[in-house]
Amino acid sequence: MSESSATDVPAPPPASPYGPAEGVTGASVPVPEPRATPAAWVDRGRGILRVAIWSTAGLSVLLVVVLVVLAAMGLGTAADNLTDGEDALVWIAVTASPVLFVVALNLLIWRALLRRVAGQTRGEAFAMILAVTVALAVGSVILVAVLLFFGFLVSAFASAGSGFGA
């Protein structure tokens, strides 16, 4: 009988660093588990992504600046005085600039999601990565098309204001 009475006694609640709660007797409050610190690879990956974001965004801005300088010098995208190689480089820069901008946005989104993915189970992480990849792919194509359209629209209005070769 003495053994059963020893097991029937509940264990005392853990001591709180804030002292006993007023007006609460015998109630057990669930204590949240402390969040695990992120693995070292998460912080290293976020650092690598930060460098990649700044590099691609900076290159995108640099290409826009180069295109503006070329247009200011009279060497626009449809200039007659460019040779085939130089004209191709200009068109590559026109197309690459919005693509690099969208790549930088995608990297920014993945950097923001990296800690969340690291804290999930393998199945949850796979599902999240798949869903985000599909959403970013569709959104990226649409955003690049919109940026190119507005870029060409601005170029057309600029050309119309100059008199179309007058």
N, C-alpha and C. Protein backbone atom coordinates (compact mmCIF):
# COMPACT_ATOMS: atom_id res chain seq x y z
N MET A 1 0.80 -1.18 0.00
CA MET A 1 0.00 0.00 0.00
C MET A 1 0.86 1.26 0.00
N SER A 2 1.99 1.19 0.63
CA SER A 2 2.86 2.35 0.66
C SER A 2 3.42 2.68 -0.71
N GLU A 3 3.57 1.67 -1.57
CA GLU A 3 4.08 1.93 -2.91
C GLU A 3 3.05 2.69 -3.75
N SER A 4 1.78 2.34 -3.65
CA SER A 4 0.78 3.02 -4.45
C SER A 4 0.55 4.45 -3.98
N SER A 5 0.70 4.70 -2.70
CA SER A 5 0.52 6.08 -2.22
C SER A 5 1.66 6.98 -2.68
N ALA A 6 2.85 6.40 -2.87
CA ALA A 6 3.99 7.20 -3.32
C ALA A 6 3.84 7.58 -4.79
N THR A 7 3.20 6.72 -5.58
CA THR A 7 3.04 7.02 -6.99
C THR A 7 1.82 7.89 -7.26
N ASP A 8 0.87 7.94 -6.33
CA ASP A 8 -0.32 8.76 -6.52
C ASP A 8 -0.07 10.25 -6.29
N VAL A 9 1.02 10.60 -5.67
CA VAL A 9 1.31 12.00 -5.37
C VAL A 9 1.88 12.66 -6.62
N PRO A 10 1.23 13.74 -7.11
CA PRO A 10 1.75 14.40 -8.30
C PRO A 10 3.06 15.11 -8.01
N ALA A 11 3.87 15.20 -9.04
CA ALA A 11 5.15 15.89 -8.90
C ALA A 11 4.89 17.38 -8.77
N PRO A 12 5.70 18.07 -8.00
CA PRO A 12 5.50 19.52 -7.87
C PRO A 12 5.78 20.22 -9.21
N PRO A 13 5.04 21.30 -9.47
CA PRO A 13 5.29 22.01 -10.73
C PRO A 13 6.69 22.61 -10.75
N PRO A 14 7.27 22.75 -11.95
CA PRO A 14 8.61 23.33 -12.02
C PRO A 14 8.59 24.78 -11.54
N ALA A 15 9.68 25.16 -10.93
CA ALA A 15 9.78 26.52 -10.41
C ALA A 15 9.88 27.51 -11.56
N SER A 16 9.14 28.59 -11.47
CA SER A 16 9.15 29.62 -12.49
C SER A 16 10.17 30.69 -12.13
N PRO A 17 10.88 31.21 -13.09
CA PRO A 17 11.83 32.28 -12.77
C PRO A 17 11.10 33.57 -12.36
N TYR A 18 9.79 33.64 -12.61
CA TYR A 18 9.02 34.83 -12.26
C TYR A 18 8.29 34.68 -10.94
N GLY A 19 8.47 33.56 -10.24
CA GLY A 19 7.79 33.35 -8.97
C GLY A 19 6.44 32.69 -9.17
N PRO A 20 5.75 32.44 -8.08
CA PRO A 20 4.45 31.75 -8.20
C PRO A 20 3.38 32.68 -8.77
N ALA A 21 2.48 32.08 -9.52
CA ALA A 21 1.39 32.85 -10.09
C ALA A 21 0.35 33.12 -9.02
N GLU A 22 -0.20 34.31 -9.01
CA GLU A 22 -1.19 34.66 -8.00
C GLU A 22 -2.55 34.11 -8.39
N GLY A 23 -3.23 33.51 -7.46
CA GLY A 23 -4.58 33.03 -7.68
C GLY A 23 -4.67 31.72 -8.42
N VAL A 24 -3.54 31.10 -8.76
CA VAL A 24 -3.56 29.83 -9.47
C VAL A 24 -3.02 28.78 -8.52
N THR A 25 -3.82 27.74 -8.32
CA THR A 25 -3.38 26.66 -7.44
C THR A 25 -3.48 25.35 -8.20
N GLY A 26 -2.38 24.71 -8.36
CA GLY A 26 -2.34 23.37 -8.95
C GLY A 26 -2.56 23.32 -10.44
N ALA A 27 -2.71 24.42 -11.12
CA ALA A 27 -2.91 24.40 -12.56
C ALA A 27 -1.55 24.30 -13.24
N SER A 28 -1.49 23.46 -14.24
CA SER A 28 -0.22 23.35 -14.96
C SER A 28 -0.36 24.08 -16.30
N VAL A 29 0.55 24.97 -16.54
CA VAL A 29 0.56 25.75 -17.77
C VAL A 29 1.63 25.16 -18.66
N PRO A 30 1.26 24.83 -19.91
CA PRO A 30 2.29 24.26 -20.80
C PRO A 30 3.37 25.30 -21.09
N VAL A 31 4.58 24.87 -20.98
CA VAL A 31 5.73 25.74 -21.24
C VAL A 31 6.18 25.49 -22.67
N PRO A 32 6.21 26.55 -23.51
CA PRO A 32 6.65 26.33 -24.90
C PRO A 32 8.11 25.92 -24.92
N GLU A 33 8.40 25.05 -25.88
CA GLU A 33 9.78 24.61 -26.02
C GLU A 33 10.60 25.74 -26.62
N PRO A 34 11.80 25.92 -26.15
CA PRO A 34 12.63 26.98 -26.75
C PRO A 34 12.94 26.64 -28.19
N ARG A 35 12.93 27.66 -29.03
CA ARG A 35 13.24 27.46 -30.45
C ARG A 35 14.69 27.07 -30.60
N ALA A 36 14.88 26.11 -31.44
CA ALA A 36 16.25 25.68 -31.71
C ALA A 36 16.96 26.76 -32.52
N THR A 37 18.19 26.96 -32.22
CA THR A 37 18.95 27.93 -33.00
C THR A 37 19.17 27.37 -34.39
N PRO A 38 19.13 28.21 -35.41
CA PRO A 38 19.30 27.70 -36.77
C PRO A 38 20.68 27.08 -36.95
N ALA A 39 20.72 26.11 -37.81
CA ALA A 39 21.99 25.45 -38.10
C ALA A 39 22.96 26.44 -38.74
N ALA A 40 24.20 26.12 -38.66
CA ALA A 40 25.22 27.02 -39.22
C ALA A 40 25.05 27.16 -40.73
N TRP A 41 24.57 26.11 -41.40
CA TRP A 41 24.42 26.19 -42.85
C TRP A 41 23.34 27.19 -43.26
N VAL A 42 22.36 27.43 -42.37
CA VAL A 42 21.30 28.39 -42.69
C VAL A 42 21.89 29.80 -42.71
N ASP A 43 22.66 30.13 -41.71
CA ASP A 43 23.28 31.46 -41.68
C ASP A 43 24.28 31.64 -42.83
N ARG A 44 25.03 30.59 -43.13
CA ARG A 44 25.99 30.66 -44.23
C ARG A 44 25.24 30.80 -45.56
N GLY A 45 24.15 30.08 -45.72
CA GLY A 45 23.35 30.18 -46.95
C GLY A 45 22.72 31.55 -47.11
N ARG A 46 22.24 32.12 -46.00
CA ARG A 46 21.66 33.46 -46.07
C ARG A 46 22.72 34.49 -46.44
N GLY A 47 23.94 34.31 -45.96
CA GLY A 47 25.02 35.23 -46.32
C GLY A 47 25.37 35.13 -47.79
N ILE A 48 25.41 33.90 -48.31
CA ILE A 48 25.70 33.69 -49.73
C ILE A 48 24.58 34.29 -50.58
N LEU A 49 23.34 34.09 -50.16
CA LEU A 49 22.22 34.65 -50.92
C LEU A 49 22.24 36.18 -50.88
N ARG A 50 22.67 36.77 -49.78
CA ARG A 50 22.76 38.23 -49.71
C ARG A 50 23.74 38.76 -50.74
N VAL A 51 24.88 38.10 -50.87
CA VAL A 51 25.87 38.51 -51.87
C VAL A 51 25.31 38.34 -53.27
N ALA A 52 24.63 37.23 -53.51
CA ALA A 52 24.05 36.98 -54.84
C ALA A 52 22.97 38.00 -55.17
N ILE A 53 22.17 38.38 -54.18
CA ILE A 53 21.11 39.38 -54.41
C ILE A 53 21.72 40.71 -54.80
N TRP A 54 22.71 41.17 -54.03
CA TRP A 54 23.32 42.46 -54.33
C TRP A 54 24.05 42.43 -55.68
N SER A 55 24.65 41.29 -56.00
CA SER A 55 25.36 41.20 -57.28
C SER A 55 24.40 41.27 -58.47
N THR A 56 23.32 40.50 -58.42
CA THR A 56 22.40 40.50 -59.56
C THR A 56 21.63 41.81 -59.65
N ALA A 57 21.22 42.35 -58.53
CA ALA A 57 20.51 43.64 -58.56
C ALA A 57 21.45 44.75 -59.04
N GLY A 58 22.69 44.74 -58.58
CA GLY A 58 23.65 45.75 -59.03
C GLY A 58 23.96 45.64 -60.51
N LEU A 59 24.07 44.40 -61.01
CA LEU A 59 24.32 44.22 -62.43
C LEU A 59 23.12 44.67 -63.26
N SER A 60 21.92 44.45 -62.74
CA SER A 60 20.72 44.91 -63.44
C SER A 60 20.71 46.43 -63.54
N VAL A 61 21.01 47.10 -62.46
CA VAL A 61 21.04 48.57 -62.46
C VAL A 61 22.17 49.07 -63.36
N LEU A 62 23.31 48.40 -63.33
CA LEU A 62 24.43 48.79 -64.17
C LEU A 62 24.06 48.67 -65.65
N LEU A 63 23.36 47.62 -66.02
CA LEU A 63 22.93 47.48 -67.42
C LEU A 63 21.98 48.59 -67.83
N VAL A 64 21.09 48.98 -66.93
CA VAL A 64 20.17 50.08 -67.24
C VAL A 64 20.97 51.37 -67.43
N VAL A 65 21.93 51.61 -66.57
CA VAL A 65 22.76 52.83 -66.69
C VAL A 65 23.52 52.81 -68.01
N VAL A 66 24.09 51.67 -68.39
CA VAL A 66 24.81 51.57 -69.65
C VAL A 66 23.87 51.85 -70.83
N LEU A 67 22.66 51.31 -70.77
CA LEU A 67 21.69 51.56 -71.85
C LEU A 67 21.30 53.02 -71.93
N VAL A 68 21.15 53.67 -70.79
CA VAL A 68 20.80 55.09 -70.78
C VAL A 68 21.95 55.92 -71.35
N VAL A 69 23.17 55.57 -70.99
CA VAL A 69 24.33 56.28 -71.51
C VAL A 69 24.44 56.08 -73.03
N LEU A 70 24.22 54.85 -73.49
CA LEU A 70 24.26 54.60 -74.94
C LEU A 70 23.18 55.39 -75.66
N ALA A 71 21.99 55.45 -75.07
CA ALA A 71 20.91 56.22 -75.70
C ALA A 71 21.24 57.71 -75.70
N ALA A 72 21.86 58.20 -74.62
CA ALA A 72 22.22 59.62 -74.56
C ALA A 72 23.31 59.96 -75.57
N MET A 73 24.15 58.99 -75.90
CA MET A 73 25.21 59.21 -76.89
C MET A 73 24.70 59.02 -78.31
N GLY A 74 23.42 58.68 -78.44
CA GLY A 74 22.87 58.48 -79.78
C GLY A 74 23.06 57.07 -80.30
N LEU A 75 23.48 56.17 -79.44
CA LEU A 75 23.68 54.78 -79.85
C LEU A 75 22.56 53.93 -79.26
N GLY A 76 21.34 54.29 -79.54
CA GLY A 76 20.20 53.59 -78.97
C GLY A 76 20.10 52.17 -79.44
N THR A 77 19.05 51.51 -79.03
CA THR A 77 18.91 50.09 -79.33
C THR A 77 18.67 49.83 -80.81
N ALA A 78 18.13 50.79 -81.54
CA ALA A 78 17.86 50.60 -82.96
C ALA A 78 18.72 51.52 -83.82
N ALA A 79 19.87 51.89 -83.32
CA ALA A 79 20.72 52.83 -84.06
C ALA A 79 21.29 52.16 -85.29
N ASP A 80 21.39 52.92 -86.35
CA ASP A 80 21.90 52.38 -87.62
C ASP A 80 23.42 52.29 -87.64
N ASN A 81 24.08 53.04 -86.76
CA ASN A 81 25.52 53.08 -86.83
C ASN A 81 26.19 51.96 -86.02
N LEU A 82 25.40 51.09 -85.40
CA LEU A 82 26.00 49.97 -84.68
C LEU A 82 26.20 48.81 -85.62
N THR A 83 27.31 48.11 -85.44
CA THR A 83 27.52 46.89 -86.22
C THR A 83 26.66 45.78 -85.63
N ASP A 84 26.61 44.66 -86.31
CA ASP A 84 25.75 43.56 -85.86
C ASP A 84 26.13 43.08 -84.46
N GLY A 85 27.40 42.99 -84.17
CA GLY A 85 27.83 42.52 -82.85
C GLY A 85 27.45 43.48 -81.74
N GLU A 86 27.66 44.78 -81.98
CA GLU A 86 27.32 45.76 -80.95
C GLU A 86 25.82 45.86 -80.76
N ASP A 87 25.06 45.77 -81.83
CA ASP A 87 23.61 45.82 -81.73
C ASP A 87 23.08 44.62 -80.94
N ALA A 88 23.68 43.47 -81.16
CA ALA A 88 23.27 42.27 -80.43
C ALA A 88 23.57 42.43 -78.94
N LEU A 89 24.70 43.04 -78.62
CA LEU A 89 25.03 43.27 -77.20
C LEU A 89 24.04 44.21 -76.54
N VAL A 90 23.60 45.22 -77.27
CA VAL A 90 22.61 46.15 -76.72
C VAL A 90 21.30 45.43 -76.45
N TRP A 91 20.86 44.61 -77.40
CA TRP A 91 19.60 43.88 -77.21
C TRP A 91 19.71 42.85 -76.09
N ILE A 92 20.87 42.25 -75.93
CA ILE A 92 21.08 41.34 -74.80
C ILE A 92 20.97 42.11 -73.49
N ALA A 93 21.54 43.30 -73.43
CA ALA A 93 21.46 44.12 -72.22
C ALA A 93 20.02 44.54 -71.94
N VAL A 94 19.28 44.87 -72.99
CA VAL A 94 17.87 45.27 -72.82
C VAL A 94 17.07 44.11 -72.23
N THR A 95 17.33 42.92 -72.69
CA THR A 95 16.60 41.75 -72.19
C THR A 95 17.13 41.30 -70.84
N ALA A 96 18.42 41.36 -70.63
CA ALA A 96 19.03 40.84 -69.41
C ALA A 96 18.73 41.68 -68.19
N SER A 97 18.56 42.96 -68.36
CA SER A 97 18.35 43.82 -67.20
C SER A 97 17.09 43.45 -66.41
N PRO A 98 15.91 43.34 -67.03
CA PRO A 98 14.74 42.93 -66.23
C PRO A 98 14.83 41.49 -65.75
N VAL A 99 15.50 40.64 -66.50
CA VAL A 99 15.66 39.25 -66.05
C VAL A 99 16.51 39.21 -64.79
N LEU A 100 17.60 39.95 -64.77
CA LEU A 100 18.44 39.99 -63.57
C LEU A 100 17.71 40.60 -62.38
N PHE A 101 16.87 41.60 -62.64
CA PHE A 101 16.07 42.19 -61.57
C PHE A 101 15.13 41.15 -60.96
N VAL A 102 14.48 40.37 -61.80
CA VAL A 102 13.55 39.34 -61.31
C VAL A 102 14.32 38.22 -60.61
N VAL A 103 15.49 37.87 -61.09
CA VAL A 103 16.31 36.87 -60.40
C VAL A 103 16.69 37.36 -59.01
N ALA A 104 17.03 38.64 -58.88
CA ALA A 104 17.34 39.20 -57.57
C ALA A 104 16.13 39.14 -56.64
N LEU A 105 14.94 39.42 -57.16
CA LEU A 105 13.74 39.30 -56.34
C LEU A 105 13.50 37.86 -55.90
N ASN A 106 13.73 36.90 -56.81
CA ASN A 106 13.57 35.49 -56.45
C ASN A 106 14.56 35.09 -55.36
N LEU A 107 15.80 35.52 -55.49
CA LEU A 107 16.79 35.21 -54.46
C LEU A 107 16.42 35.82 -53.12
N LEU A 108 15.86 37.01 -53.16
CA LEU A 108 15.41 37.66 -51.93
C LEU A 108 14.30 36.85 -51.26
N ILE A 109 13.39 36.32 -52.05
CA ILE A 109 12.31 35.50 -51.49
C ILE A 109 12.87 34.21 -50.90
N TRP A 110 13.81 33.57 -51.60
CA TRP A 110 14.39 32.34 -51.07
C TRP A 110 15.19 32.61 -49.81
N ARG A 111 15.86 33.75 -49.74
CA ARG A 111 16.61 34.08 -48.52
C ARG A 111 15.66 34.23 -47.34
N ALA A 112 14.50 34.84 -47.59
CA ALA A 112 13.53 35.03 -46.52
C ALA A 112 12.92 33.69 -46.08
N LEU A 113 12.81 32.73 -46.98
CA LEU A 113 12.20 31.45 -46.66
C LEU A 113 13.19 30.42 -46.12
N LEU A 114 14.48 30.70 -46.16
CA LEU A 114 15.48 29.68 -45.82
C LEU A 114 15.35 29.18 -44.39
N ARG A 115 15.18 30.07 -43.44
CA ARG A 115 15.04 29.63 -42.04
C ARG A 115 13.78 28.80 -41.84
N ARG A 116 12.71 29.20 -42.49
CA ARG A 116 11.45 28.46 -42.36
C ARG A 116 11.58 27.05 -42.94
N VAL A 117 12.22 26.94 -44.08
CA VAL A 117 12.41 25.62 -44.70
C VAL A 117 13.31 24.75 -43.83
N ALA A 118 14.31 25.34 -43.21
CA ALA A 118 15.23 24.57 -42.38
C ALA A 118 14.54 24.02 -41.13
N GLY A 119 13.48 24.68 -40.67
CA GLY A 119 12.80 24.24 -39.46
C GLY A 119 11.67 23.26 -39.71
N GLN A 120 11.46 22.84 -40.96
CA GLN A 120 10.36 21.93 -41.26
C GLN A 120 10.86 20.52 -41.46
N THR A 121 9.90 19.59 -41.46
CA THR A 121 10.25 18.22 -41.76
C THR A 121 10.58 18.11 -43.24
N ARG A 122 11.14 16.99 -43.62
CA ARG A 122 11.56 16.81 -45.01
C ARG A 122 10.38 16.90 -45.98
N GLY A 123 9.26 16.28 -45.64
CA GLY A 123 8.08 16.33 -46.51
C GLY A 123 7.48 17.72 -46.61
N GLU A 124 7.39 18.41 -45.48
CA GLU A 124 6.86 19.79 -45.49
C GLU A 124 7.77 20.70 -46.30
N ALA A 125 9.08 20.54 -46.12
CA ALA A 125 10.04 21.38 -46.85
C ALA A 125 9.95 21.12 -48.35
N PHE A 126 9.82 19.84 -48.74
CA PHE A 126 9.71 19.51 -50.16
C PHE A 126 8.46 20.12 -50.76
N ALA A 127 7.33 20.01 -50.05
CA ALA A 127 6.08 20.58 -50.56
C ALA A 127 6.17 22.10 -50.67
N MET A 128 6.77 22.73 -49.68
CA MET A 128 6.88 24.18 -49.71
C MET A 128 7.81 24.64 -50.84
N ILE A 129 8.93 23.96 -51.00
CA ILE A 129 9.86 24.31 -52.07
C ILE A 129 9.21 24.14 -53.43
N LEU A 130 8.46 23.07 -53.61
CA LEU A 130 7.79 22.83 -54.88
C LEU A 130 6.75 23.91 -55.17
N ALA A 131 5.94 24.25 -54.16
CA ALA A 131 4.91 25.27 -54.36
C ALA A 131 5.51 26.64 -54.64
N VAL A 132 6.54 27.00 -53.90
CA VAL A 132 7.18 28.32 -54.09
C VAL A 132 7.88 28.37 -55.45
N THR A 133 8.50 27.27 -55.87
CA THR A 133 9.17 27.24 -57.16
C THR A 133 8.18 27.45 -58.31
N VAL A 134 7.05 26.76 -58.25
CA VAL A 134 6.05 26.92 -59.31
C VAL A 134 5.50 28.34 -59.31
N ALA A 135 5.19 28.88 -58.13
CA ALA A 135 4.65 30.24 -58.05
C ALA A 135 5.66 31.27 -58.54
N LEU A 136 6.93 31.11 -58.17
CA LEU A 136 7.95 32.04 -58.63
C LEU A 136 8.20 31.93 -60.12
N ALA A 137 8.12 30.72 -60.66
CA ALA A 137 8.33 30.56 -62.10
C ALA A 137 7.25 31.29 -62.89
N VAL A 138 6.01 31.08 -62.51
CA VAL A 138 4.91 31.75 -63.22
C VAL A 138 4.98 33.26 -63.01
N GLY A 139 5.18 33.67 -61.78
CA GLY A 139 5.26 35.10 -61.49
C GLY A 139 6.45 35.77 -62.16
N SER A 140 7.57 35.07 -62.27
CA SER A 140 8.76 35.64 -62.90
C SER A 140 8.55 35.89 -64.38
N VAL A 141 7.93 34.93 -65.06
CA VAL A 141 7.67 35.10 -66.49
C VAL A 141 6.76 36.30 -66.72
N ILE A 142 5.73 36.40 -65.91
CA ILE A 142 4.79 37.52 -66.05
C ILE A 142 5.49 38.85 -65.75
N LEU A 143 6.29 38.89 -64.68
CA LEU A 143 6.96 40.13 -64.30
C LEU A 143 7.99 40.55 -65.35
N VAL A 144 8.74 39.62 -65.90
CA VAL A 144 9.71 39.98 -66.95
C VAL A 144 8.98 40.51 -68.18
N ALA A 145 7.87 39.88 -68.54
CA ALA A 145 7.10 40.36 -69.70
C ALA A 145 6.57 41.77 -69.46
N VAL A 146 6.08 42.03 -68.25
CA VAL A 146 5.56 43.36 -67.93
C VAL A 146 6.69 44.39 -67.95
N LEU A 147 7.84 44.05 -67.37
CA LEU A 147 8.97 44.99 -67.36
C LEU A 147 9.47 45.28 -68.78
N LEU A 148 9.56 44.25 -69.61
CA LEU A 148 9.98 44.47 -70.99
C LEU A 148 8.96 45.31 -71.75
N PHE A 149 7.67 45.05 -71.52
CA PHE A 149 6.63 45.83 -72.19
C PHE A 149 6.73 47.29 -71.82
N PHE A 150 6.86 47.60 -70.51
CA PHE A 150 6.95 48.99 -70.08
C PHE A 150 8.25 49.64 -70.57
N GLY A 151 9.33 48.85 -70.63
CA GLY A 151 10.58 49.39 -71.15
C GLY A 151 10.48 49.77 -72.61
N PHE A 152 9.84 48.91 -73.41
CA PHE A 152 9.66 49.22 -74.81
C PHE A 152 8.64 50.33 -75.01
N LEU A 153 7.66 50.41 -74.13
CA LEU A 153 6.68 51.49 -74.20
C LEU A 153 7.35 52.84 -73.95
N VAL A 154 8.20 52.89 -72.95
CA VAL A 154 8.94 54.12 -72.66
C VAL A 154 9.86 54.46 -73.83
N SER A 155 10.50 53.45 -74.41
CA SER A 155 11.37 53.68 -75.56
C SER A 155 10.59 54.21 -76.75
N ALA A 156 9.39 53.67 -76.97
CA ALA A 156 8.57 54.12 -78.10
C ALA A 156 8.14 55.57 -77.91
N PHE A 157 7.73 55.94 -76.69
CA PHE A 157 7.34 57.33 -76.44
C PHE A 157 8.53 58.26 -76.57
N ALA A 158 9.70 57.81 -76.16
CA ALA A 158 10.90 58.63 -76.30
C ALA A 158 11.26 58.82 -77.77
N SER A 159 11.09 57.75 -78.57
CA SER A 159 11.36 57.85 -79.99
C SER A 159 10.34 58.73 -80.69
N ALA A 160 9.09 58.65 -80.27
CA ALA A 160 8.03 59.46 -80.88
C ALA A 160 8.27 60.95 -80.62
N GLY A 161 8.81 61.26 -79.46
CA GLY A 161 9.08 62.65 -79.13
C GLY A 161 10.24 63.22 -79.92
N SER A 162 11.13 62.36 -80.41
CA SER A 162 12.28 62.86 -81.14
C SER A 162 12.00 63.02 -82.63
N GLY A 163 10.84 62.59 -83.10
CA GLY A 163 10.49 62.78 -84.50
C GLY A 163 10.81 61.61 -85.40
N PHE A 164 11.19 60.47 -84.84
CA PHE A 164 11.46 59.25 -85.61
C PHE A 164 12.50 59.46 -86.69
N GLY A 165 13.61 59.92 -86.31
CA GLY A 165 14.73 60.03 -87.26
C GLY A 165 14.76 61.33 -88.02
N ALA A 166 14.07 62.32 -87.58
CA ALA A 166 14.06 63.61 -88.28
C ALA A 166 15.33 64.37 -87.98
